[in-house]
Each structure stands twice: as C-alpha cells, then as structure tokens.
C-alpha cells in the first residue's frame, strides 16, 4: 500500500500541468490551483462517514455496488438493501455519507478507493450501460443520452440488426477518442478526474485484481468486518459482440512500447496485470479496434495507467491488424 500511495504522489508531480488544465475544464474555472483547490477538495464522489472515520471515493464499474452494500452495513442501515433497487442504494449512500466540507480535516480518517485495469473498466461500462438491454429504464436513458449520438456520428456502414439501437464497441471507442475526458460520463471518466487523488490522500488503494487480499487488509486496519464484500454486481456474461470478428490476434508489442520511463517503478500491480487472465470475451471486443486506436485510447487514460501501476498488456495482443 505504501508503494501504491508513493506512485500516486509521483504521478501528481509528473502530470501536474496536465492535471491543472483538465481540472480547469472539468470545473469550468481559471487554470490556477487557487481557483480549483476548494472545489477539488469538496469532491462529490468522496463519501465520508464521520462516525467510523472513513472516506471512500466512489468509482462506477469498480466494485462500487458491493462497496455500497458494505458501507450501508457499517452505517447500520442494512435495511435499505432489501427495500431499494441498486440505483437508489447509491443515491441513499451519498445522502448518508456527505462529501468533505470546505475546511474539514480528514487526516485521521481511513481513506480508500478501488481501481481496475482502465481498459477492462471501459469495456465493462460499454457492456453494462450501452450493450445490455435487460434493464430497460437504464438502457433507454443511456441510449438517448449517448447511444444515438454515437451511432449518428461514428457509424460508417450498416451493422447487424442487433446493433440497430446500440453502438458497437469500436464505435464507442471512436466516441471516447473524439471527446475530451472531462466531458465523459462518470462510468468511463478517468480515475484521476473522479477521485482527485492529488488533493485527497488515499491510505488504501485497492485493486480489483487483488480485491480479496486488499479487502482483508482494509478490514484489519479499520476493525470493521462489515467492509468485506458479500455481493458483487456484475455485467451479464452473454453480452458478446455479434458477429464476432475472426481476425488473427497481433503479436505482442515490446513490453515497454507505450510505457513512460517513469512507469518502470518496482510495481507489484504491473506484474499482476502482465499475468492478467482476461474473461474470454475481452479479445472479441478489442478485436474491433486497431492498434492505432488502442494507442490513442492509452494516451487518454495515461495518467491512470501511470498512477495506479497498469500497462497496456495484454490488450495490445487483441487488436486487429
């Protein structure tokens, strides 16, 4: 955990000017830290339980629902789990755990967040919010807000009937490449924009790839067994691209092809991601995009990759020729 926190501090220094520009766009303020600092501190996605002295940054598509369940148990409000559907559980927790106040001191609080490989999260967001038609109300809202625009702007040729109302993953990636990250929906917005980790110190940086061990550490540190997840909300496994591409996988790029020299820290996490065993559907989706698109997508999320110790592997082996 100390190495992970140190990596975040390094990223804050290395990308300081880039972060300033992006935060200014996000908040629509002047490009000065004095104009931004107070708002970045009162981050609406940092939820605070003053009684248990906990602060959690809520990142969609990274075990957020299971953590909402856990924190409701910590708060003694477990009855909501049987009374409310998932969306209302999230809004209820925001009400019960208000964000930091302007001059509030959280130095003695245990602050934590959960991250996963950025590309894995992008695919999860696409499948859950745009491809999955099962939860109709959710599908309609994202179809109206994003799906139609993506199809109108990025569809260059006719697609199978399954995609008549749904953008393909390749079209979704084109939308990401053509949109500034500060304008993204929270489900695919970069971690550094959601959690403002250069303004909020996180004692515990958990990774989905090692969630079991990381959660055990969180429970041991806080003495709150309620924080151990009992339920994980996942996207339905049968959401596959139709028809699947049959193009041959690329040979892997050299290991350091798209990684800044500064990323070559003695990471524990990068080693995990190198040994990443993807769900069997991941290559099918990423085969819809090119190597050039993958490189550009990496550049958009570069700060997340650096800050949390991930690299482009193994996704560079999935893309089309």
C-alpha atoms as a PDB file:
ATOM      1  CA  UNK A   1       0.000   0.000   0.000  1.00  0.00           C
ATOM      2  CA  UNK A   2       2.886   2.366   0.692  1.00  0.00           C
ATOM      3  CA  UNK A   3       4.294   1.724  -2.798  1.00  0.00           C
ATOM      4  CA  UNK A   4       0.899   2.349  -4.368  1.00  0.00           C
ATOM      5  CA  UNK A   5       0.491   5.634  -2.475  1.00  0.00           C
ATOM      6  CA  UNK A   6       4.021   6.706  -3.469  1.00  0.00           C
ATOM      7  CA  UNK A   7       3.225   6.018  -7.114  1.00  0.00           C
ATOM      8  CA  UNK A   8       0.213   8.341  -6.882  1.00  0.00           C
ATOM      9  CA  UNK A   9       2.377  11.095  -5.390  1.00  0.00           C
ATOM     10  CA  UNK A  10       4.895  10.672  -8.231  1.00  0.00           C
ATOM     11  CA  UNK A  11       2.113  10.958 -10.804  1.00  0.00           C
ATOM     12  CA  UNK A  12       0.807  14.151  -9.200  1.00  0.00           C
ATOM     13  CA  UNK A  13       4.209  15.778  -9.696  1.00  0.00           C
ATOM     14  CA  UNK A  14       4.907  14.429 -13.177  1.00  0.00           C
ATOM     15  CA  UNK A  15       1.475  15.312 -14.599  1.00  0.00           C
ATOM     16  CA  UNK A  16       0.891  18.487 -12.588  1.00  0.00           C
ATOM     17  CA  UNK A  17       0.424  20.823 -15.567  1.00  0.00           C
ATOM     18  CA  UNK A  18      -1.758  18.353 -17.464  1.00  0.00           C
ATOM     19  CA  UNK A  19      -3.938  17.862 -14.398  1.00  0.00           C
ATOM     20  CA  UNK A  20      -4.316  21.607 -13.911  1.00  0.00           C
ATOM     21  CA  UNK A  21      -5.627  22.043 -17.454  1.00  0.00           C
ATOM     22  CA  UNK A  22      -8.056  19.130 -17.192  1.00  0.00           C
ATOM     23  CA  UNK A  23      -9.402  20.113 -13.761  1.00  0.00           C
ATOM     24  CA  UNK A  24      -9.961  23.661 -15.021  1.00  0.00           C
ATOM     25  CA  UNK A  25     -12.023  22.302 -17.918  1.00  0.00           C
ATOM     26  CA  UNK A  26     -13.886  19.927 -15.603  1.00  0.00           C
ATOM     27  CA  UNK A  27     -14.867  22.665 -13.158  1.00  0.00           C
ATOM     28  CA  UNK A  28     -15.069  25.461 -15.754  1.00  0.00           C
ATOM     29  CA  UNK A  29     -12.687  27.622 -13.719  1.00  0.00           C
ATOM     30  CA  UNK A  30      -9.457  29.528 -14.356  1.00  0.00           C
ATOM     31  CA  UNK A  31      -6.303  27.465 -14.837  1.00  0.00           C
ATOM     32  CA  UNK A  32      -4.870  28.257 -11.404  1.00  0.00           C
ATOM     33  CA  UNK A  33      -4.719  25.955  -8.427  1.00  0.00           C
ATOM     34  CA  UNK A  34      -6.094  28.712  -6.182  1.00  0.00           C
ATOM     35  CA  UNK A  35      -9.259  28.773  -8.303  1.00  0.00           C
ATOM     36  CA  UNK A  36      -9.605  24.979  -8.199  1.00  0.00           C
ATOM     37  CA  UNK A  37      -8.379  23.678  -4.843  1.00  0.00           C
ATOM     38  CA  UNK A  38     -11.520  24.230  -2.761  1.00  0.00           C
ATOM     39  CA  UNK A  39     -13.816  22.573  -5.311  1.00  0.00           C
ATOM     40  CA  UNK A  40     -11.436  19.646  -5.807  1.00  0.00           C
ATOM     41  CA  UNK A  41     -11.412  19.109  -2.039  1.00  0.00           C
ATOM     42  CA  UNK A  42     -15.232  19.147  -1.793  1.00  0.00           C
ATOM     43  CA  UNK A  43     -15.368  16.300  -4.293  1.00  0.00           C
ATOM     44  CA  UNK A  44     -18.925  14.893  -4.520  1.00  0.00           C
ATOM     45  CA  UNK A  45     -17.519  11.413  -5.235  1.00  0.00           C
ATOM     46  CA  UNK A  46     -15.601  11.295  -1.936  1.00  0.00           C
ATOM     47  CA  UNK A  47     -18.139   9.974   0.586  1.00  0.00           C
ATOM     48  CA  UNK A  48     -17.390  10.461   4.286  1.00  0.00           C
ATOM     49  CA  UNK A  49     -18.640   8.590   7.361  1.00  0.00           C
ATOM     50  CA  UNK A  50     -17.711  10.832  10.290  1.00  0.00           C
ATOM     51  CA  UNK A  51     -18.652   8.238  12.940  1.00  0.00           C
ATOM     52  CA  UNK A  52     -16.444   5.437  11.626  1.00  0.00           C
ATOM     53  CA  UNK A  53     -13.899   7.937  10.274  1.00  0.00           C
ATOM     54  CA  UNK A  54     -13.975   6.526   6.751  1.00  0.00           C
ATOM     55  CA  UNK A  55     -13.691   8.254   3.380  1.00  0.00           C
ATOM     56  CA  UNK A  56     -14.337   6.324   0.175  1.00  0.00           C
ATOM     57  CA  UNK A  57     -14.051   7.536  -3.414  1.00  0.00           C
ATOM     58  CA  UNK A  58     -16.952   6.034  -5.344  1.00  0.00           C
ATOM     59  CA  UNK A  59     -15.839   4.902  -8.822  1.00  0.00           C
ATOM     60  CA  UNK A  60     -18.528   3.336 -11.026  1.00  0.00           C
ATOM     61  CA  UNK A  61     -17.730  -0.041 -12.591  1.00  0.00           C
ATOM     62  CA  UNK A  62     -15.124  -0.956  -9.958  1.00  0.00           C
ATOM     63  CA  UNK A  63     -16.956  -2.971  -7.277  1.00  0.00           C
ATOM     64  CA  UNK A  64     -18.939   0.157  -6.415  1.00  0.00           C
ATOM     65  CA  UNK A  65     -22.235  -1.629  -5.739  1.00  0.00           C
ATOM     66  CA  UNK A  66     -20.636  -4.226  -3.475  1.00  0.00           C
ATOM     67  CA  UNK A  67     -18.907  -1.412  -1.562  1.00  0.00           C
ATOM     68  CA  UNK A  68     -22.215   0.485  -1.258  1.00  0.00           C
ATOM     69  CA  UNK A  69     -23.683  -2.653   0.345  1.00  0.00           C
ATOM     70  CA  UNK A  70     -20.700  -2.909   2.703  1.00  0.00           C
ATOM     71  CA  UNK A  71     -20.855   0.728   3.789  1.00  0.00           C
ATOM     72  CA  UNK A  72     -24.602   0.564   4.434  1.00  0.00           C
ATOM     73  CA  UNK A  73     -23.831  -2.303   6.821  1.00  0.00           C
ATOM     74  CA  UNK A  74     -21.144  -0.180   8.504  1.00  0.00           C
ATOM     75  CA  UNK A  75     -23.665   2.648   8.906  1.00  0.00           C
ATOM     76  CA  UNK A  76     -26.226   0.304  10.462  1.00  0.00           C
ATOM     77  CA  UNK A  77     -28.594   0.961   7.534  1.00  0.00           C
ATOM     78  CA  UNK A  78     -28.609  -2.563   6.106  1.00  0.00           C
ATOM     79  CA  UNK A  79     -32.412  -2.500   5.896  1.00  0.00           C
ATOM     80  CA  UNK A  80     -32.109  -0.394   2.731  1.00  0.00           C
ATOM     81  CA  UNK A  81     -30.608  -3.401   0.921  1.00  0.00           C
ATOM     82  CA  UNK A  82     -33.983  -5.158   0.949  1.00  0.00           C
ATOM     83  CA  UNK A  83     -36.020  -2.005   0.337  1.00  0.00           C
ATOM     84  CA  UNK A  84     -34.313  -0.210  -2.549  1.00  0.00           C
ATOM     85  CA  UNK A  85     -33.119  -1.082  -6.044  1.00  0.00           C
ATOM     86  CA  UNK A  86     -29.462  -0.608  -6.967  1.00  0.00           C
ATOM     87  CA  UNK A  87     -29.664   2.963  -8.282  1.00  0.00           C
ATOM     88  CA  UNK A  88     -31.463   4.249  -5.202  1.00  0.00           C
ATOM     89  CA  UNK A  89     -28.982   2.481  -2.922  1.00  0.00           C
ATOM     90  CA  UNK A  90     -26.199   4.562  -4.491  1.00  0.00           C
ATOM     91  CA  UNK A  91     -28.072   7.861  -4.052  1.00  0.00           C
ATOM     92  CA  UNK A  92     -29.058   6.916  -0.480  1.00  0.00           C
ATOM     93  CA  UNK A  93     -25.429   6.296   0.463  1.00  0.00           C
ATOM     94  CA  UNK A  94     -24.467   9.710  -0.929  1.00  0.00           C
ATOM     95  CA  UNK A  95     -27.066  11.253   1.393  1.00  0.00           C
ATOM     96  CA  UNK A  96     -25.833   9.263   4.408  1.00  0.00           C
ATOM     97  CA  UNK A  97     -22.144   9.982   3.694  1.00  0.00           C
ATOM     98  CA  UNK A  98     -21.896  13.671   2.694  1.00  0.00           C
ATOM     99  CA  UNK A  99     -18.775  14.832   0.861  1.00  0.00           C
ATOM    100  CA  UNK A 100     -15.962  16.748   2.624  1.00  0.00           C
ATOM    101  CA  UNK A 101     -16.810  20.192   3.951  1.00  0.00           C
ATOM    102  CA  UNK A 102     -14.622  23.146   2.859  1.00  0.00           C
ATOM    103  CA  UNK A 103     -12.330  23.219   5.915  1.00  0.00           C
ATOM    104  CA  UNK A 104     -12.868  19.670   7.169  1.00  0.00           C
ATOM    105  CA  UNK A 105      -9.741  17.828   8.334  1.00  0.00           C
ATOM    106  CA  UNK A 106      -9.739  14.166   7.260  1.00  0.00           C
ATOM    107  CA  UNK A 107      -6.133  13.468   8.217  1.00  0.00           C
ATOM    108  CA  UNK A 108      -7.107  10.839  10.811  1.00  0.00           C
ATOM    109  CA  UNK A 109      -9.697   9.187   8.578  1.00  0.00           C
ATOM    110  CA  UNK A 110      -9.061   5.961   6.671  1.00  0.00           C
ATOM    111  CA  UNK A 111      -9.436   6.917   3.017  1.00  0.00           C
ATOM    112  CA  UNK A 112      -9.678   4.282   0.288  1.00  0.00           C
ATOM    113  CA  UNK A 113     -10.659   3.609  -3.300  1.00  0.00           C
ATOM    114  CA  UNK A 114     -10.807   0.644  -5.685  1.00  0.00           C
ATOM    115  CA  UNK A 115      -9.403   0.634  -9.229  1.00  0.00           C
ATOM    116  CA  UNK A 116      -9.052  -1.908 -12.044  1.00  0.00           C
ATOM    117  CA  UNK A 117      -7.278  -2.026 -15.407  1.00  0.00           C
ATOM    118  CA  UNK A 118      -8.575   1.053 -17.278  1.00  0.00           C
ATOM    119  CA  UNK A 119      -9.323  -0.876 -20.488  1.00  0.00           C
ATOM    120  CA  UNK A 120     -11.197  -3.550 -18.556  1.00  0.00           C
ATOM    121  CA  UNK A 121     -13.330  -0.845 -16.936  1.00  0.00           C
ATOM    122  CA  UNK A 122     -14.075   0.812 -20.295  1.00  0.00           C
ATOM    123  CA  UNK A 123     -15.327  -2.492 -21.694  1.00  0.00           C
ATOM    124  CA  UNK A 124     -17.365  -3.174 -18.560  1.00  0.00           C
ATOM    125  CA  UNK A 125     -19.000   0.263 -18.825  1.00  0.00           C
ATOM    126  CA  UNK A 126     -19.822  -0.283 -22.502  1.00  0.00           C
ATOM    127  CA  UNK A 127     -21.350  -3.702 -21.902  1.00  0.00           C
ATOM    128  CA  UNK A 128     -23.329  -2.648 -18.840  1.00  0.00           C
ATOM    129  CA  UNK A 129     -24.540   0.786 -19.976  1.00  0.00           C
ATOM    130  CA  UNK A 130     -24.873   0.537 -23.749  1.00  0.00           C
ATOM    131  CA  UNK A 131     -24.989  -3.124 -24.818  1.00  0.00           C
ATOM    132  CA  UNK A 132     -27.153  -4.653 -22.065  1.00  0.00           C
ATOM    133  CA  UNK A 133     -30.827  -4.055 -22.875  1.00  0.00           C
ATOM    134  CA  UNK A 134     -32.154  -6.123 -19.960  1.00  0.00           C
ATOM    135  CA  UNK A 135     -32.624  -3.202 -17.513  1.00  0.00           C
ATOM    136  CA  UNK A 136     -34.849  -1.232 -19.905  1.00  0.00           C
ATOM    137  CA  UNK A 137     -35.036   2.059 -17.994  1.00  0.00           C
ATOM    138  CA  UNK A 138     -31.243   2.248 -17.751  1.00  0.00           C
ATOM    139  CA  UNK A 139     -30.841   1.272 -21.405  1.00  0.00           C
ATOM    140  CA  UNK A 140     -33.283   3.965 -22.537  1.00  0.00           C
ATOM    141  CA  UNK A 141     -31.524   6.741 -20.646  1.00  0.00           C
ATOM    142  CA  UNK A 142     -28.082   5.847 -21.990  1.00  0.00           C
ATOM    143  CA  UNK A 143     -29.491   5.181 -25.472  1.00  0.00           C
ATOM    144  CA  UNK A 144     -30.998   8.675 -25.550  1.00  0.00           C
ATOM    145  CA  UNK A 145     -28.024  10.408 -23.977  1.00  0.00           C
ATOM    146  CA  UNK A 146     -25.145   8.564 -25.672  1.00  0.00           C
ATOM    147  CA  UNK A 147     -26.124   5.687 -27.939  1.00  0.00           C
ATOM    148  CA  UNK A 148     -27.967   7.666 -30.607  1.00  0.00           C
ATOM    149  CA  UNK A 149     -25.283  10.329 -30.841  1.00  0.00           C
ATOM    150  CA  UNK A 150     -22.501   7.748 -31.128  1.00  0.00           C
ATOM    151  CA  UNK A 151     -24.333   5.876 -33.891  1.00  0.00           C
ATOM    152  CA  UNK A 152     -25.153   9.055 -35.815  1.00  0.00           C
ATOM    153  CA  UNK A 153     -21.616  10.383 -35.606  1.00  0.00           C
ATOM    154  CA  UNK A 154     -19.444   7.283 -35.869  1.00  0.00           C
ATOM    155  CA  UNK A 155     -21.410   4.642 -37.825  1.00  0.00           C
ATOM    156  CA  UNK A 156     -19.821   4.473 -41.274  1.00  0.00           C
ATOM    157  CA  UNK A 157     -21.513   1.345 -42.623  1.00  0.00           C
ATOM    158  CA  UNK A 158     -24.535  -0.806 -41.921  1.00  0.00           C
ATOM    159  CA  UNK A 159     -24.339  -3.116 -38.910  1.00  0.00           C
ATOM    160  CA  UNK A 160     -26.241  -6.306 -37.984  1.00  0.00           C
ATOM    161  CA  UNK A 161     -29.766  -5.834 -36.633  1.00  0.00           C
ATOM    162  CA  UNK A 162     -28.533  -6.417 -33.073  1.00  0.00           C
ATOM    163  CA  UNK A 163     -26.782  -3.049 -33.303  1.00  0.00           C
ATOM    164  CA  UNK A 164     -29.685  -1.071 -34.741  1.00  0.00           C
ATOM    165  CA  UNK A 165     -30.044   0.859 -31.471  1.00  0.00           C
ATOM    166  CA  UNK A 166     -26.690   0.033 -29.897  1.00  0.00           C
ATOM    167  CA  UNK A 167     -23.229   1.322 -30.858  1.00  0.00           C
ATOM    168  CA  UNK A 168     -20.559  -1.303 -31.408  1.00  0.00           C
ATOM    169  CA  UNK A 169     -17.566  -1.326 -29.078  1.00  0.00           C
ATOM    170  CA  UNK A 170     -15.456   0.082 -31.915  1.00  0.00           C
ATOM    171  CA  UNK A 171     -17.888   2.980 -32.303  1.00  0.00           C
ATOM    172  CA  UNK A 172     -17.838   3.570 -28.551  1.00  0.00           C
ATOM    173  CA  UNK A 173     -14.033   3.751 -28.641  1.00  0.00           C
ATOM    174  CA  UNK A 174     -14.234   6.266 -31.504  1.00  0.00           C
ATOM    175  CA  UNK A 175     -16.568   8.354 -29.336  1.00  0.00           C
ATOM    176  CA  UNK A 176     -14.037   8.250 -26.477  1.00  0.00           C
ATOM    177  CA  UNK A 177     -11.239   9.275 -28.839  1.00  0.00           C
ATOM    178  CA  UNK A 178     -13.288  12.203 -30.119  1.00  0.00           C
ATOM    179  CA  UNK A 179     -14.482  13.521 -26.736  1.00  0.00           C
ATOM    180  CA  UNK A 180     -12.450  15.354 -24.042  1.00  0.00           C
ATOM    181  CA  UNK A 181     -12.205  13.172 -20.919  1.00  0.00           C
ATOM    182  CA  UNK A 182     -13.630  15.906 -18.669  1.00  0.00           C
ATOM    183  CA  UNK A 183     -16.867  15.564 -20.676  1.00  0.00           C
ATOM    184  CA  UNK A 184     -17.115  11.789 -20.130  1.00  0.00           C
ATOM    185  CA  UNK A 185     -19.878  10.133 -18.157  1.00  0.00           C
ATOM    186  CA  UNK A 186     -18.714   9.002 -14.709  1.00  0.00           C
ATOM    187  CA  UNK A 187     -18.859   5.344 -15.806  1.00  0.00           C
ATOM    188  CA  UNK A 188     -15.871   5.823 -18.120  1.00  0.00           C
ATOM    189  CA  UNK A 189     -14.315   9.019 -16.779  1.00  0.00           C
ATOM    190  CA  UNK A 190     -10.668   8.553 -15.700  1.00  0.00           C
ATOM    191  CA  UNK A 191      -9.943   7.832 -12.043  1.00  0.00           C
ATOM    192  CA  UNK A 192      -7.835  10.971 -11.601  1.00  0.00           C
ATOM    193  CA  UNK A 193     -10.822  13.152 -12.572  1.00  0.00           C
ATOM    194  CA  UNK A 194     -13.277  11.284 -10.343  1.00  0.00           C
ATOM    195  CA  UNK A 195     -11.181  10.912  -7.187  1.00  0.00           C
ATOM    196  CA  UNK A 196      -8.821  13.931  -7.380  1.00  0.00           C
ATOM    197  CA  UNK A 197      -6.045  11.862  -5.735  1.00  0.00           C
ATOM    198  CA  UNK A 198      -3.624  14.800  -5.713  1.00  0.00           C
ATOM    199  CA  UNK A 199      -5.994  16.565  -3.303  1.00  0.00           C
ATOM    200  CA  UNK A 200      -7.236  13.576  -1.316  1.00  0.00           C
ATOM    201  CA  UNK A 201      -4.679  11.233   0.200  1.00  0.00           C
ATOM    202  CA  UNK A 202      -5.828   7.605  -0.018  1.00  0.00           C
ATOM    203  CA  UNK A 203      -4.335   5.334   2.628  1.00  0.00           C
ATOM    204  CA  UNK A 204      -5.583   2.216   0.885  1.00  0.00           C
ATOM    205  CA  UNK A 205      -5.548   1.839  -2.902  1.00  0.00           C
ATOM    206  CA  UNK A 206      -7.315  -1.416  -3.656  1.00  0.00           C
ATOM    207  CA  UNK A 207      -7.153  -3.256  -6.969  1.00  0.00           C
ATOM    208  CA  UNK A 208      -9.952  -5.376  -8.350  1.00  0.00           C
ATOM    209  CA  UNK A 209      -7.311  -7.892  -9.423  1.00  0.00           C
ATOM    210  CA  UNK A 210      -6.332  -8.435  -5.777  1.00  0.00           C
ATOM    211  CA  UNK A 211      -9.621  -7.444  -4.132  1.00  0.00           C
ATOM    212  CA  UNK A 212      -9.784 -10.370  -1.704  1.00  0.00           C
ATOM    213  CA  UNK A 213      -6.393  -9.625  -0.105  1.00  0.00           C
ATOM    214  CA  UNK A 214      -6.852  -5.857  -0.281  1.00  0.00           C
ATOM    215  CA  UNK A 215     -10.263  -6.041   1.395  1.00  0.00           C
ATOM    216  CA  UNK A 216      -8.836  -8.206   4.147  1.00  0.00           C
ATOM    217  CA  UNK A 217      -6.197  -5.510   4.738  1.00  0.00           C
ATOM    218  CA  UNK A 218      -8.932  -2.837   4.853  1.00  0.00           C
ATOM    219  CA  UNK A 219     -10.935  -4.857   7.383  1.00  0.00           C
ATOM    220  CA  UNK A 220      -7.866  -5.478   9.559  1.00  0.00           C
ATOM    221  CA  UNK A 221      -6.865  -1.808   9.509  1.00  0.00           C
ATOM    222  CA  UNK A 222     -10.318  -0.422  10.305  1.00  0.00           C
ATOM    223  CA  UNK A 223     -11.617  -3.222  12.539  1.00  0.00           C
ATOM    224  CA  UNK A 224     -14.847  -3.201  10.503  1.00  0.00           C
ATOM    225  CA  UNK A 225     -15.693  -6.719   9.245  1.00  0.00           C
ATOM    226  CA  UNK A 226     -18.798  -5.254   7.560  1.00  0.00           C
ATOM    227  CA  UNK A 227     -16.469  -3.895   4.846  1.00  0.00           C
ATOM    228  CA  UNK A 228     -15.847  -7.376   3.472  1.00  0.00           C
ATOM    229  CA  UNK A 229     -17.984  -7.541   0.278  1.00  0.00           C
ATOM    230  CA  UNK A 230     -20.811 -10.094   0.369  1.00  0.00           C
ATOM    231  CA  UNK A 231     -22.197  -9.351  -3.085  1.00  0.00           C
ATOM    232  CA  UNK A 232     -20.577  -8.322  -6.339  1.00  0.00           C
ATOM    233  CA  UNK A 233     -22.755  -6.793  -9.051  1.00  0.00           C
ATOM    234  CA  UNK A 234     -21.528  -7.913 -12.470  1.00  0.00           C
ATOM    235  CA  UNK A 235     -22.465  -7.477 -16.102  1.00  0.00           C
ATOM    236  CA  UNK A 236     -24.243 -10.397 -17.732  1.00  0.00           C
ATOM    237  CA  UNK A 237     -21.721 -12.791 -19.259  1.00  0.00           C
ATOM    238  CA  UNK A 238     -23.636 -13.435 -22.501  1.00  0.00           C
ATOM    239  CA  UNK A 239     -23.186  -9.893 -23.815  1.00  0.00           C
ATOM    240  CA  UNK A 240     -20.901 -10.679 -26.727  1.00  0.00           C
ATOM    241  CA  UNK A 241     -20.173  -8.864 -29.961  1.00  0.00           C
ATOM    242  CA  UNK A 242     -22.332 -10.206 -32.806  1.00  0.00           C
ATOM    243  CA  UNK A 243     -20.992 -11.308 -35.135  1.00  0.00           C
ATOM    244  CA  UNK A 244     -17.544 -11.793 -33.604  1.00  0.00           C
ATOM    245  CA  UNK A 245     -14.602 -10.754 -35.749  1.00  0.00           C
ATOM    246  CA  UNK A 246     -12.340 -13.548 -36.891  1.00  0.00           C
ATOM    247  CA  UNK A 247      -9.181 -11.573 -37.482  1.00  0.00           C
ATOM    248  CA  UNK A 248      -5.953 -13.029 -36.206  1.00  0.00           C
ATOM    249  CA  UNK A 249      -4.523 -11.663 -32.977  1.00  0.00           C
ATOM    250  CA  UNK A 250      -1.428  -9.471 -33.267  1.00  0.00           C
ATOM    251  CA  UNK A 251       1.902 -10.487 -31.898  1.00  0.00           C
ATOM    252  CA  UNK A 252       2.536  -8.680 -28.615  1.00  0.00           C
ATOM    253  CA  UNK A 253       4.247  -5.320 -28.739  1.00  0.00           C
ATOM    254  CA  UNK A 254       7.565  -4.957 -26.954  1.00  0.00           C
ATOM    255  CA  UNK A 255       6.829  -4.858 -23.252  1.00  0.00           C
ATOM    256  CA  UNK A 256       7.788  -1.189 -22.815  1.00  0.00           C
ATOM    257  CA  UNK A 257       6.286   0.055 -26.077  1.00  0.00           C
ATOM    258  CA  UNK A 258       3.798   2.546 -24.607  1.00  0.00           C
ATOM    259  CA  UNK A 259       5.011   2.971 -21.047  1.00  0.00           C
ATOM    260  CA  UNK A 260       6.826   6.091 -19.918  1.00  0.00           C
ATOM    261  CA  UNK A 261      10.192   5.575 -18.332  1.00  0.00           C
ATOM    262  CA  UNK A 262       8.762   6.790 -15.047  1.00  0.00           C
ATOM    263  CA  UNK A 263       6.325   3.890 -15.009  1.00  0.00           C
ATOM    264  CA  UNK A 264       9.153   1.425 -14.583  1.00  0.00           C
ATOM    265  CA  UNK A 265       8.803   1.520 -10.820  1.00  0.00           C
ATOM    266  CA  UNK A 266       9.207  -1.712  -8.928  1.00  0.00           C
ATOM    267  CA  UNK A 267       5.499  -2.365  -9.236  1.00  0.00           C
ATOM    268  CA  UNK A 268       3.552  -5.103  -7.653  1.00  0.00           C
ATOM    269  CA  UNK A 269       0.452  -4.220  -9.692  1.00  0.00           C
ATOM    270  CA  UNK A 270       2.029  -4.052 -13.124  1.00  0.00           C
ATOM    271  CA  UNK A 271       3.303  -7.571 -12.576  1.00  0.00           C
ATOM    272  CA  UNK A 272      -0.244  -8.660 -11.812  1.00  0.00           C
ATOM    273  CA  UNK A 273      -1.610  -7.040 -14.958  1.00  0.00           C
ATOM    274  CA  UNK A 274       1.093  -8.673 -17.069  1.00  0.00           C
ATOM    275  CA  UNK A 275      -0.178 -12.018 -15.835  1.00  0.00           C
ATOM    276  CA  UNK A 276      -3.769 -10.936 -16.389  1.00  0.00           C
ATOM    277  CA  UNK A 277      -6.114 -13.717 -17.448  1.00  0.00           C
ATOM    278  CA  UNK A 278      -8.939 -11.953 -19.290  1.00  0.00           C
ATOM    279  CA  UNK A 279     -12.539 -13.031 -19.350  1.00  0.00           C
ATOM    280  CA  UNK A 280     -12.949 -14.983 -22.580  1.00  0.00           C
ATOM    281  CA  UNK A 281     -14.994 -12.205 -24.215  1.00  0.00           C
ATOM    282  CA  UNK A 282     -12.387  -9.414 -23.926  1.00  0.00           C
ATOM    283  CA  UNK A 283     -10.405 -10.268 -27.089  1.00  0.00           C
ATOM    284  CA  UNK A 284     -13.611 -10.414 -29.136  1.00  0.00           C
ATOM    285  CA  UNK A 285     -14.439  -6.799 -28.331  1.00  0.00           C
ATOM    286  CA  UNK A 286     -10.945  -5.352 -28.598  1.00  0.00           C
ATOM    287  CA  UNK A 287     -10.504  -7.035 -31.982  1.00  0.00           C
ATOM    288  CA  UNK A 288     -12.977  -4.408 -33.256  1.00  0.00           C
ATOM    289  CA  UNK A 289     -10.356  -1.661 -32.908  1.00  0.00           C
ATOM    290  CA  UNK A 290      -6.918  -1.083 -34.404  1.00  0.00           C
ATOM    291  CA  UNK A 291      -3.529  -0.795 -32.792  1.00  0.00           C
ATOM    292  CA  UNK A 292      -3.516   2.929 -33.553  1.00  0.00           C
ATOM    293  CA  UNK A 293      -6.864   3.370 -31.789  1.00  0.00           C
ATOM    294  CA  UNK A 294      -5.586   1.428 -28.785  1.00  0.00           C
ATOM    295  CA  UNK A 295      -2.513   3.660 -28.554  1.00  0.00           C
ATOM    296  CA  UNK A 296      -4.675   6.789 -28.680  1.00  0.00           C
ATOM    297  CA  UNK A 297      -7.001   5.348 -26.047  1.00  0.00           C
ATOM    298  CA  UNK A 298      -3.979   4.631 -23.867  1.00  0.00           C
ATOM    299  CA  UNK A 299      -2.888   8.267 -24.172  1.00  0.00           C
ATOM    300  CA  UNK A 300      -6.282   9.462 -22.884  1.00  0.00           C
ATOM    301  CA  UNK A 301      -6.003   7.256 -19.793  1.00  0.00           C
ATOM    302  CA  UNK A 302      -2.220   7.569 -19.482  1.00  0.00           C
ATOM    303  CA  UNK A 303      -2.345   9.244 -16.068  1.00  0.00           C
ATOM    304  CA  UNK A 304      -4.498   6.401 -14.698  1.00  0.00           C
ATOM    305  CA  UNK A 305      -2.105   3.807 -16.134  1.00  0.00           C
ATOM    306  CA  UNK A 306       0.877   5.521 -14.561  1.00  0.00           C
ATOM    307  CA  UNK A 307      -0.778   6.489 -11.298  1.00  0.00           C
ATOM    308  CA  UNK A 308      -2.091   3.022 -10.468  1.00  0.00           C
ATOM    309  CA  UNK A 309       0.634   0.862 -11.983  1.00  0.00           C
ATOM    310  CA  UNK A 310      -1.045  -0.695 -15.015  1.00  0.00           C
ATOM    311  CA  UNK A 311       0.319  -1.198 -18.522  1.00  0.00           C
ATOM    312  CA  UNK A 312      -1.116  -1.766 -21.966  1.00  0.00           C
ATOM    313  CA  UNK A 313      -0.643  -5.537 -21.791  1.00  0.00           C
ATOM    314  CA  UNK A 314      -2.386  -7.819 -22.754  1.00  0.00           C
ATOM    315  CA  UNK A 315      -4.760  -5.651 -24.784  1.00  0.00           C
ATOM    316  CA  UNK A 316      -2.112  -4.899 -27.419  1.00  0.00           C
ATOM    317  CA  UNK A 317      -2.340  -8.577 -28.409  1.00  0.00           C
ATOM    318  CA  UNK A 318      -6.107  -8.446 -29.035  1.00  0.00           C
ATOM    319  CA  UNK A 319      -6.455  -5.601 -31.522  1.00  0.00           C
ATOM    320  CA  UNK A 320      -6.902  -6.074 -35.264  1.00  0.00           C
ATOM    321  CA  UNK A 321      -4.158  -5.739 -37.848  1.00  0.00           C
END
